[in-house]
Amino acid sequence: MDFTNPLVYGVPCFIIFILLELTYSKTHGDNDLYEWKDLFASGFMGVGSAIIGPLFKVIFAIVLFKFTFEFFNPEVDGVRTHLLGYRSFGYAWWVFLLCQLADDFTYYWFHRANHEVRVLWAAHIVHHSSDNYNLGTAVRNGWFTILYKPLFYMWMPAVGFPPEVVMVCLGIEALWQFQLHSVYVPKMGIIEKVFNTHTMHQVHHAQNVEYLDKNHGGFLNIFDKIFGTWKELDDDIDVKYGVIHPPKSHNPIEILTHEYRDIWKDVKKSPKLYHKLMYIFGPPGWSHDGSTMTVKQQQRLFEKQKELNPQVVFERPN
């Protein structure tokens, strides 16, 4: 079967909805929602992803997925049969639903790894580096995530999902993720029991200590709830978007590379190999001398301080 990646139609819609939200914000007094230099930086990186993405998707995703699928699902008497003996999945409607669920599960762990492994965070921080939360930020994607993202999804064609079905599900996931980046959609009642919504994603983009590393889900929030990373938006908390240590520049190259430079600086702080590896593969904020703290360490300190003196404003240790 021939399939078209949904992003082929999604990209023009992205531009239209960004312009609509931009116009609405400027005509309704929300002048701070969009900052021109920030928007242009996000747009530049979005265009770069649109150019680089298809090339690497062909090389690293389609070819990789096809090789994996054919290796684990060889033809036996004209029928694709998995090495374990069961018939590989076809194109029935339930296969698409099952594949989308598998995609969502994989996206959760891919996204969570991007926040908990520093060398991956160095690529993903690009998406979080804006102090603004809008549809323009949705296209502010790091270029280097393209190099390793397919590796997280290889298990799907390996168990029998056709590569083209996997690619379509990836495209649908990206469409859902785009529209989450808006402050104009309120809490959605019963829908929030199952799905990852706009307010939940606002939590994900916040740098408030209690919100850090929460709500990694794609379509669903069930995996966040199962694995302990779900948090609801508290209307009484003043949300501050962005990252603790922003690049402080609208230069796209600086935005794309600043965390790699910081990793290199930290690697040189200690002569011990274990410390060097932890600065690369450990959680962001880890330090061998306690000079900086990980998210979990900050949140434990935050909770302890709230118990002792809830009136005192939490001071970041980093």
Protein backbone atom coordinates (compact mmCIF):
# COMPACT_ATOMS: atom_id res chain seq x y z
CA MET A 1 0.00 0.00 0.00
CA ASP A 2 1.07 3.58 -0.67
CA PHE A 3 0.95 6.00 2.24
CA THR A 4 1.47 9.74 2.47
CA ASN A 5 3.09 11.16 5.59
CA PRO A 6 0.43 13.36 7.29
CA LEU A 7 3.08 16.05 7.82
CA VAL A 8 2.95 16.77 4.07
CA TYR A 9 -0.44 18.36 4.73
CA GLY A 10 0.42 19.41 8.27
CA VAL A 11 3.24 21.85 7.49
CA PRO A 12 1.06 24.34 5.53
CA CYS A 13 -1.52 24.10 8.31
CA PHE A 14 1.20 24.87 10.88
CA ILE A 15 1.98 28.14 9.13
CA ILE A 16 -1.69 29.11 8.83
CA PHE A 17 -2.46 28.40 12.49
CA ILE A 18 0.66 30.24 13.68
CA LEU A 19 -0.42 33.31 11.69
CA LEU A 20 -3.97 33.04 13.02
CA GLU A 21 -2.81 32.77 16.63
CA LEU A 22 -0.32 35.60 16.11
CA THR A 23 -3.05 37.84 14.67
CA TYR A 24 -5.51 36.94 17.42
CA SER A 25 -2.95 37.65 20.17
CA LYS A 26 -2.02 41.05 18.73
CA THR A 27 -5.63 42.12 18.23
CA HIS A 28 -6.78 40.97 21.68
CA GLY A 29 -4.13 42.58 23.86
CA ASP A 30 -1.84 39.57 24.30
CA ASN A 31 1.19 41.39 22.95
CA ASP A 32 3.61 39.35 25.04
CA LEU A 33 2.51 36.00 23.63
CA TYR A 34 4.74 36.39 20.58
CA GLU A 35 8.13 38.09 20.46
CA TRP A 36 9.32 38.79 16.93
CA LYS A 37 12.97 37.77 17.31
CA ASP A 38 11.95 34.66 19.19
CA LEU A 39 9.39 33.77 16.51
CA PHE A 40 11.92 34.23 13.71
CA ALA A 41 14.42 32.02 15.56
CA SER A 42 11.75 29.34 16.02
CA GLY A 43 10.75 29.66 12.38
CA PHE A 44 14.34 29.31 11.19
CA MET A 45 14.77 26.11 13.17
CA GLY A 46 11.41 24.85 11.97
CA VAL A 47 12.38 25.45 8.35
CA GLY A 48 15.71 23.73 8.98
CA SER A 49 13.91 20.70 10.40
CA ALA A 50 11.58 20.66 7.40
CA ILE A 51 14.60 20.59 5.05
CA ILE A 52 16.88 18.25 6.99
CA GLY A 53 14.12 16.00 8.32
CA PRO A 54 12.99 14.34 5.07
CA LEU A 55 16.60 13.54 4.08
CA PHE A 56 17.45 11.83 7.35
CA LYS A 57 14.05 10.18 7.57
CA VAL A 58 14.76 8.45 4.27
CA ILE A 59 18.25 7.39 5.34
CA PHE A 60 17.77 6.62 9.03
CA ALA A 61 14.08 5.91 9.38
CA ILE A 62 12.61 4.41 6.23
CA VAL A 63 15.71 2.41 5.27
CA LEU A 64 16.35 1.41 8.89
CA PHE A 65 12.74 0.46 9.52
CA LYS A 66 12.50 -1.45 6.25
CA PHE A 67 15.70 -3.39 6.95
CA THR A 68 14.54 -4.19 10.49
CA PHE A 69 11.09 -5.26 9.29
CA GLU A 70 12.43 -7.54 6.55
CA PHE A 71 15.08 -9.05 8.84
CA PHE A 72 12.62 -9.99 11.59
CA ASN A 73 9.68 -10.66 9.26
CA PRO A 74 10.94 -12.67 6.26
CA GLU A 75 8.57 -13.98 3.61
CA VAL A 76 7.58 -17.61 4.15
CA ASP A 77 5.57 -19.03 1.25
CA GLY A 78 4.68 -15.52 0.16
CA VAL A 79 3.53 -14.41 3.61
CA ARG A 80 5.43 -12.14 6.00
CA THR A 81 6.03 -14.26 9.08
CA HIS A 82 7.83 -13.13 12.20
CA LEU A 83 10.86 -15.13 13.33
CA LEU A 84 8.84 -16.18 16.39
CA GLY A 85 6.32 -17.82 14.09
CA TYR A 86 3.30 -15.52 14.04
CA ARG A 87 2.05 -13.73 10.95
CA SER A 88 3.30 -10.15 10.66
CA PHE A 89 0.75 -7.35 10.95
CA GLY A 90 -1.01 -6.18 7.81
CA TYR A 91 -3.09 -3.06 7.14
CA ALA A 92 -6.32 -3.77 9.03
CA TRP A 93 -7.88 -0.85 10.93
CA TRP A 94 -7.04 -2.40 14.28
CA VAL A 95 -3.37 -2.61 13.27
CA PHE A 96 -3.29 1.17 12.86
CA LEU A 97 -4.88 1.64 16.30
CA LEU A 98 -2.46 -0.80 17.90
CA CYS A 99 0.47 0.82 16.10
CA GLN A 100 -0.65 4.28 17.28
CA LEU A 101 -0.77 3.00 20.86
CA ALA A 102 2.70 1.47 20.45
CA ASP A 103 3.89 4.77 18.98
CA ASP A 104 2.51 6.67 21.97
CA PHE A 105 4.25 4.32 24.41
CA THR A 106 7.50 4.74 22.50
CA TYR A 107 7.10 8.52 22.28
CA TYR A 108 6.70 8.69 26.04
CA TRP A 109 10.03 6.95 26.68
CA PHE A 110 11.79 8.78 23.86
CA HIS A 111 10.56 12.10 25.22
CA ARG A 112 11.36 11.21 28.82
CA ALA A 113 14.87 10.10 27.85
CA ASN A 114 15.38 13.49 26.20
CA HIS A 115 14.81 15.09 29.59
CA GLU A 116 16.76 12.63 31.72
CA VAL A 117 19.89 11.93 29.65
CA ARG A 118 21.96 15.07 29.29
CA VAL A 119 23.44 14.43 25.84
CA LEU A 120 19.88 13.90 24.55
CA TRP A 121 18.68 16.93 26.50
CA ALA A 122 21.33 18.96 24.66
CA ALA A 123 19.40 18.26 21.45
CA HIS A 124 15.90 18.56 22.95
CA ILE A 125 16.53 21.73 24.98
CA VAL A 126 16.13 23.66 21.72
CA HIS A 127 12.39 23.02 21.84
CA HIS A 128 12.15 24.28 25.42
CA SER A 129 14.51 27.23 25.11
CA SER A 130 11.87 29.86 24.34
CA ASP A 131 10.33 31.87 27.18
CA ASN A 132 7.12 32.02 25.14
CA TYR A 133 4.47 29.33 24.81
CA ASN A 134 2.70 29.50 21.47
CA LEU A 135 2.29 27.63 18.20
CA GLY A 136 5.51 29.21 16.95
CA THR A 137 7.37 27.42 19.74
CA ALA A 138 5.85 24.16 18.50
CA VAL A 139 8.05 24.24 15.38
CA ARG A 140 11.18 25.19 17.35
CA ASN A 141 12.72 21.75 17.00
CA GLY A 142 16.32 20.65 17.46
CA TRP A 143 17.96 19.27 14.36
CA PHE A 144 20.02 16.62 16.11
CA THR A 145 17.10 14.62 17.54
CA ILE A 146 16.51 13.36 14.00
CA LEU A 147 19.75 11.38 14.23
CA TYR A 148 18.70 9.14 17.13
CA LYS A 149 14.90 9.25 17.31
CA PRO A 150 14.39 6.33 14.85
CA LEU A 151 16.47 4.09 17.15
CA PHE A 152 13.73 4.28 19.79
CA TYR A 153 11.13 3.11 17.26
CA MET A 154 13.03 0.20 15.70
CA TRP A 155 11.25 -2.33 17.91
CA MET A 156 7.94 -1.57 16.16
CA PRO A 157 8.87 -2.87 12.68
CA ALA A 158 10.86 -5.60 14.46
CA VAL A 159 7.68 -7.03 16.02
CA GLY A 160 5.80 -6.86 12.72
CA PHE A 161 4.34 -3.38 12.11
CA PRO A 162 4.89 -2.39 8.44
CA PRO A 163 7.38 0.53 8.19
CA GLU A 164 4.95 2.73 6.30
CA VAL A 165 2.33 2.30 9.04
CA VAL A 166 4.91 3.27 11.66
CA MET A 167 5.82 6.40 9.68
CA VAL A 168 2.14 7.43 9.36
CA CYS A 169 1.66 7.02 13.12
CA LEU A 170 4.76 9.12 13.75
CA GLY A 171 3.30 11.84 11.52
CA ILE A 172 -0.06 11.79 13.31
CA GLU A 173 1.75 12.06 16.65
CA ALA A 174 3.62 15.14 15.40
CA LEU A 175 0.35 16.78 14.31
CA TRP A 176 -1.14 16.26 17.77
CA GLN A 177 1.97 17.62 19.46
CA PHE A 178 1.89 20.80 17.36
CA GLN A 179 -1.61 21.87 18.35
CA LEU A 180 -0.91 21.38 22.07
CA HIS A 181 1.24 24.53 22.13
CA SER A 182 -1.51 27.05 22.77
CA VAL A 183 -2.66 28.90 25.90
CA TYR A 184 -6.06 29.63 24.37
CA VAL A 185 -7.50 26.15 25.00
CA PRO A 186 -8.79 25.71 28.59
CA LYS A 187 -9.03 22.53 30.61
CA MET A 188 -11.22 20.02 28.79
CA GLY A 189 -12.99 18.13 31.57
CA ILE A 190 -13.39 14.40 31.06
CA ILE A 191 -11.08 14.43 28.03
CA GLU A 192 -8.20 15.17 30.40
CA LYS A 193 -8.76 11.82 32.11
CA VAL A 194 -7.23 10.05 29.10
CA PHE A 195 -5.63 12.46 26.66
CA ASN A 196 -2.60 14.75 26.86
CA THR A 197 -4.08 18.23 26.55
CA HIS A 198 -2.97 21.83 26.12
CA THR A 199 -2.88 22.63 29.84
CA MET A 200 -0.89 19.47 30.55
CA HIS A 201 1.64 20.47 27.94
CA GLN A 202 1.88 23.92 29.49
CA VAL A 203 3.09 22.12 32.60
CA HIS A 204 5.66 20.29 30.50
CA HIS A 205 7.05 23.56 29.12
CA ALA A 206 7.18 25.31 32.49
CA GLN A 207 10.40 25.84 34.42
CA ASN A 208 8.63 26.02 37.79
CA VAL A 209 10.38 23.51 40.05
CA GLU A 210 7.25 21.46 40.74
CA TYR A 211 6.53 21.20 36.99
CA LEU A 212 9.96 20.11 35.77
CA ASP A 213 10.11 16.81 33.85
CA LYS A 214 6.36 16.22 33.93
CA ASN A 215 3.83 15.18 31.26
CA HIS A 216 6.01 13.53 28.60
CA GLY A 217 3.08 11.85 26.85
CA GLY A 218 2.04 12.17 23.23
CA PHE A 219 -1.68 11.53 22.65
CA LEU A 220 -2.36 9.94 26.01
CA ASN A 221 -1.49 10.76 29.58
CA ILE A 222 -1.84 7.17 30.78
CA PHE A 223 1.89 6.43 30.61
CA ASP A 224 2.70 9.54 32.66
CA LYS A 225 0.20 8.34 35.27
CA ILE A 226 1.58 4.79 35.26
CA PHE A 227 5.22 5.81 35.51
CA GLY A 228 4.81 8.72 37.92
CA THR A 229 5.47 11.77 35.73
CA TRP A 230 1.95 13.21 35.41
CA LYS A 231 0.97 16.55 36.95
CA GLU A 232 -2.11 18.68 36.46
CA LEU A 233 -1.88 22.42 35.82
CA ASP A 234 -2.52 24.36 39.02
CA ASP A 235 -4.42 27.57 38.24
CA ASP A 236 -2.96 29.20 41.36
CA ILE A 237 0.62 28.84 40.15
CA ASP A 238 2.07 31.57 37.93
CA VAL A 239 3.62 29.56 35.11
CA LYS A 240 7.05 30.58 33.86
CA TYR A 241 7.97 29.01 30.53
CA GLY A 242 11.39 28.13 29.20
CA VAL A 243 14.47 26.55 30.78
CA ILE A 244 16.48 27.33 33.90
CA HIS A 245 19.62 28.10 31.88
CA PRO A 246 18.47 29.58 28.55
CA PRO A 247 20.87 30.30 25.68
CA LYS A 248 20.22 34.08 26.10
CA SER A 249 20.43 34.53 22.35
CA HIS A 250 18.15 34.49 19.31
CA ASN A 251 20.99 33.19 17.15
CA PRO A 252 19.77 29.78 15.87
CA ILE A 253 23.28 28.29 15.96
CA GLU A 254 23.69 29.32 19.60
CA ILE A 255 20.28 27.88 20.45
CA LEU A 256 21.12 24.61 18.71
CA THR A 257 24.56 24.11 20.26
CA HIS A 258 24.82 25.93 23.61
CA GLU A 259 24.13 22.89 25.80
CA TYR A 260 26.80 20.82 24.01
CA ARG A 261 29.29 23.54 24.87
CA ASP A 262 28.17 23.48 28.50
CA ILE A 263 28.59 19.71 28.60
CA TRP A 264 32.15 20.07 27.33
CA LYS A 265 32.90 22.63 30.03
CA ASP A 266 31.56 20.30 32.72
CA VAL A 267 33.44 17.27 31.38
CA LYS A 268 36.71 19.15 31.94
CA LYS A 269 35.88 19.83 35.61
CA SER A 270 36.98 16.41 36.85
CA PRO A 271 39.76 14.02 35.77
CA LYS A 272 37.71 10.93 36.72
CA LEU A 273 36.22 8.97 33.82
CA TYR A 274 33.05 8.18 35.78
CA HIS A 275 32.41 11.88 36.35
CA LYS A 276 32.99 12.68 32.69
CA LEU A 277 30.53 9.98 31.61
CA MET A 278 27.94 11.21 34.09
CA TYR A 279 28.22 14.75 32.74
CA ILE A 280 27.42 13.31 29.31
CA PHE A 281 24.96 10.51 30.02
CA GLY A 282 23.71 11.37 33.51
CA PRO A 283 20.68 13.55 34.24
CA PRO A 284 20.94 17.30 33.53
CA GLY A 285 22.13 19.16 36.59
CA TRP A 286 24.23 16.28 37.94
CA SER A 287 27.57 17.40 39.35
CA HIS A 288 30.41 15.52 41.02
CA ASP A 289 30.83 18.17 43.71
CA GLY A 290 27.19 19.04 44.39
CA SER A 291 27.55 22.50 42.87
CA THR A 292 24.43 21.91 40.76
CA MET A 293 21.44 19.64 41.30
CA THR A 294 19.28 17.37 39.18
CA VAL A 295 15.55 17.93 38.80
CA LYS A 296 14.74 15.19 41.32
CA GLN A 297 17.15 16.72 43.86
CA GLN A 298 15.64 20.18 43.37
CA GLN A 299 12.10 18.85 43.75
CA ARG A 300 12.97 16.99 46.96
CA LEU A 301 14.52 20.17 48.35
CA PHE A 302 11.48 22.16 47.21
CA GLU A 303 9.06 19.80 48.99
CA LYS A 304 11.18 19.82 52.15
CA GLN A 305 11.24 23.62 52.21
CA LYS A 306 7.47 23.79 51.70
CA GLU A 307 6.98 21.59 54.74
CA LEU A 308 9.31 23.66 56.92
CA ASN A 309 8.29 27.13 55.75
CA PRO A 310 5.66 27.33 52.97
CA GLN A 311 5.74 31.16 53.04
CA VAL A 312 9.35 31.34 51.84
CA VAL A 313 9.90 31.59 48.08
CA PHE A 314 12.02 28.71 46.83
CA GLU A 315 15.49 29.78 45.72
CA ARG A 316 16.96 27.69 42.92
CA PRO A 317 20.15 25.92 44.01
CA ASN A 318 21.49 25.85 40.43
